[in-house]
C-alpha atoms as a PDB file:
ATOM      1  CA  MET A   1     -20.681  11.700  74.182  1.00  0.00           C
ATOM      2  CA  TYR A   2     -20.239  12.774  70.546  1.00  0.00           C
ATOM      3  CA  GLU A   3     -23.291  10.763  69.520  1.00  0.00           C
ATOM      4  CA  ASN A   4     -25.611  12.930  71.633  1.00  0.00           C
ATOM      5  CA  THR A   5     -24.035  16.105  70.227  1.00  0.00           C
ATOM      6  CA  ILE A   6     -24.603  14.872  66.664  1.00  0.00           C
ATOM      7  CA  LYS A   7     -28.183  13.829  67.511  1.00  0.00           C
ATOM      8  CA  ALA A   8     -28.854  17.316  68.891  1.00  0.00           C
ATOM      9  CA  TYR A   9     -27.445  18.826  65.652  1.00  0.00           C
ATOM     10  CA  ILE A  10     -29.606  16.524  63.490  1.00  0.00           C
ATOM     11  CA  GLY A  11     -32.735  17.391  65.505  1.00  0.00           C
ATOM     12  CA  ASP A  12     -35.911  16.361  63.669  1.00  0.00           C
ATOM     13  CA  ALA A  13     -34.146  15.883  60.314  1.00  0.00           C
ATOM     14  CA  ASP A  14     -33.310  12.406  58.980  1.00  0.00           C
ATOM     15  CA  GLY A  15     -29.557  13.027  59.075  1.00  0.00           C
ATOM     16  CA  VAL A  16     -26.568  14.927  57.720  1.00  0.00           C
ATOM     17  CA  GLN A  17     -24.224  14.296  54.820  1.00  0.00           C
ATOM     18  CA  GLY A  18     -20.704  15.549  54.283  1.00  0.00           C
ATOM     19  CA  GLY A  19     -17.638  14.963  52.155  1.00  0.00           C
ATOM     20  CA  CYS A  20     -16.701  11.691  53.855  1.00  0.00           C
ATOM     21  CA  GLY A  21     -20.109  10.085  54.371  1.00  0.00           C
ATOM     22  CA  SER A  22     -23.424  10.445  56.118  1.00  0.00           C
ATOM     23  CA  ILE A  23     -24.949  10.030  59.539  1.00  0.00           C
ATOM     24  CA  THR A  24     -28.655   9.295  59.839  1.00  0.00           C
ATOM     25  CA  TRP A  25     -30.953   9.193  62.818  1.00  0.00           C
ATOM     26  CA  LYS A  26     -34.280   8.046  61.439  1.00  0.00           C
ATOM     27  CA  ALA A  27     -37.403   6.694  63.086  1.00  0.00           C
ATOM     28  CA  ALA A  28     -38.170   3.046  62.435  1.00  0.00           C
ATOM     29  CA  LYS A  29     -41.544   2.179  60.962  1.00  0.00           C
ATOM     30  CA  ASP A  30     -44.436   2.296  63.450  1.00  0.00           C
ATOM     31  CA  SER A  31     -45.766  -1.039  64.615  1.00  0.00           C
ATOM     32  CA  LYS A  32     -49.134  -2.240  65.873  1.00  0.00           C
ATOM     33  CA  LYS A  33     -49.839  -4.039  69.117  1.00  0.00           C
ATOM     34  CA  VAL A  34     -53.158  -5.705  69.919  1.00  0.00           C
ATOM     35  CA  ASP A  35     -54.405  -4.964  73.440  1.00  0.00           C
ATOM     36  CA  TYR A  36     -55.641  -8.472  74.182  1.00  0.00           C
ATOM     37  CA  GLU A  37     -56.283  -7.541  77.811  1.00  0.00           C
ATOM     38  CA  GLY A  38     -58.730  -4.877  76.633  1.00  0.00           C
ATOM     39  CA  ILE A  39     -60.464  -7.359  74.339  1.00  0.00           C
ATOM     40  CA  THR A  40     -60.710  -9.933  77.109  1.00  0.00           C
ATOM     41  CA  SER A  41     -62.039  -7.322  79.529  1.00  0.00           C
ATOM     42  CA  LEU A  42     -64.733  -6.311  77.047  1.00  0.00           C
ATOM     43  CA  LEU A  43     -65.800  -9.907  76.443  1.00  0.00           C
ATOM     44  CA  PHE A  44     -65.954 -10.717  80.156  1.00  0.00           C
ATOM     45  CA  LYS A  45     -68.166  -7.676  80.787  1.00  0.00           C
ATOM     46  CA  LEU A  46     -70.657  -8.941  78.256  1.00  0.00           C
ATOM     47  CA  SER A  47     -73.201 -11.538  79.265  1.00  0.00           C
ATOM     48  CA  GLY A  48     -74.292 -13.926  76.547  1.00  0.00           C
ATOM     49  CA  VAL A  49     -71.358 -12.843  74.418  1.00  0.00           C
ATOM     50  CA  GLN A  50     -72.591 -14.038  71.029  1.00  0.00           C
ATOM     51  CA  GLU A  51     -76.079 -12.516  71.405  1.00  0.00           C
ATOM     52  CA  VAL A  52     -74.714  -9.213  72.654  1.00  0.00           C
ATOM     53  CA  LEU A  53     -72.176  -9.042  69.831  1.00  0.00           C
ATOM     54  CA  GLN A  54     -74.887  -9.637  67.244  1.00  0.00           C
ATOM     55  CA  LYS A  55     -77.214  -7.125  68.934  1.00  0.00           C
ATOM     56  CA  HIS A  56     -74.587  -4.401  68.725  1.00  0.00           C
ATOM     57  CA  GLU A  57     -73.403  -5.488  65.266  1.00  0.00           C
ATOM     58  CA  LEU A  58     -69.917  -6.181  66.578  1.00  0.00           C
ATOM     59  CA  THR A  59     -67.580  -8.627  64.912  1.00  0.00           C
ATOM     60  CA  SER A  60     -64.288  -9.909  66.259  1.00  0.00           C
ATOM     61  CA  SER A  61     -62.433  -7.896  63.604  1.00  0.00           C
ATOM     62  CA  ILE A  62     -64.121  -4.660  64.768  1.00  0.00           C
ATOM     63  CA  ILE A  63     -63.248  -5.426  68.388  1.00  0.00           C
ATOM     64  CA  VAL A  64     -59.638  -6.264  67.517  1.00  0.00           C
ATOM     65  CA  SER A  65     -59.379  -3.096  65.405  1.00  0.00           C
ATOM     66  CA  ASP A  66     -60.689  -0.960  68.275  1.00  0.00           C
ATOM     67  CA  TYR A  67     -58.059  -2.389  70.625  1.00  0.00           C
ATOM     68  CA  THR A  68     -55.126  -2.295  68.206  1.00  0.00           C
ATOM     69  CA  LEU A  69     -52.575   0.336  69.216  1.00  0.00           C
ATOM     70  CA  ILE A  70     -49.977   2.094  67.050  1.00  0.00           C
ATOM     71  CA  ILE A  71     -46.546   1.875  68.685  1.00  0.00           C
ATOM     72  CA  PRO A  72     -44.158   4.559  67.327  1.00  0.00           C
ATOM     73  CA  GLY A  73     -40.907   3.214  65.900  1.00  0.00           C
ATOM     74  CA  SER A  74     -37.628   4.090  67.549  1.00  0.00           C
ATOM     75  CA  ARG A  75     -35.040   6.296  65.857  1.00  0.00           C
ATOM     76  CA  ARG A  76     -31.861   4.532  64.731  1.00  0.00           C
ATOM     77  CA  PHE A  77     -28.504   6.294  64.686  1.00  0.00           C
ATOM     78  CA  LEU A  78     -26.439   5.061  61.693  1.00  0.00           C
ATOM     79  CA  THR A  79     -23.129   6.173  60.233  1.00  0.00           C
ATOM     80  CA  LYS A  80     -21.944   5.492  56.670  1.00  0.00           C
ATOM     81  CA  PHE A  81     -18.510   6.460  55.487  1.00  0.00           C
ATOM     82  CA  PHE A  82     -17.317   6.265  51.918  1.00  0.00           C
ATOM     83  CA  ASP A  83     -14.921   3.414  51.175  1.00  0.00           C
ATOM     84  CA  LYS A  84     -12.472   5.523  49.216  1.00  0.00           C
ATOM     85  CA  LEU A  85     -11.693   9.133  49.997  1.00  0.00           C
ATOM     86  CA  LYS A  86      -9.976  11.392  47.501  1.00  0.00           C
ATOM     87  CA  VAL A  87      -7.094  13.098  49.252  1.00  0.00           C
ATOM     88  CA  GLY A  88      -5.142  15.894  47.604  1.00  0.00           C
ATOM     89  CA  GLY A  89      -7.185  16.164  44.416  1.00  0.00           C
END
């Protein structure tokens, strides 16, 4: 309940900081995922795979690169509170 309210307040920023600590809601690092099904589909469509690859100057690394997808990282909601608070000056 409160978490969603704080997330709405943070919006697109990385987080907020106050007198007693900080709350962050950052995106994790993007990751890559190889679309092996796409690679397999391409290879099955080709007849005489090796000859066709050479004819079109394709290498396995080019094919893998073409079918590698960027998967956006998720945002993590973290709270950090200071260990010792100064109360009353």
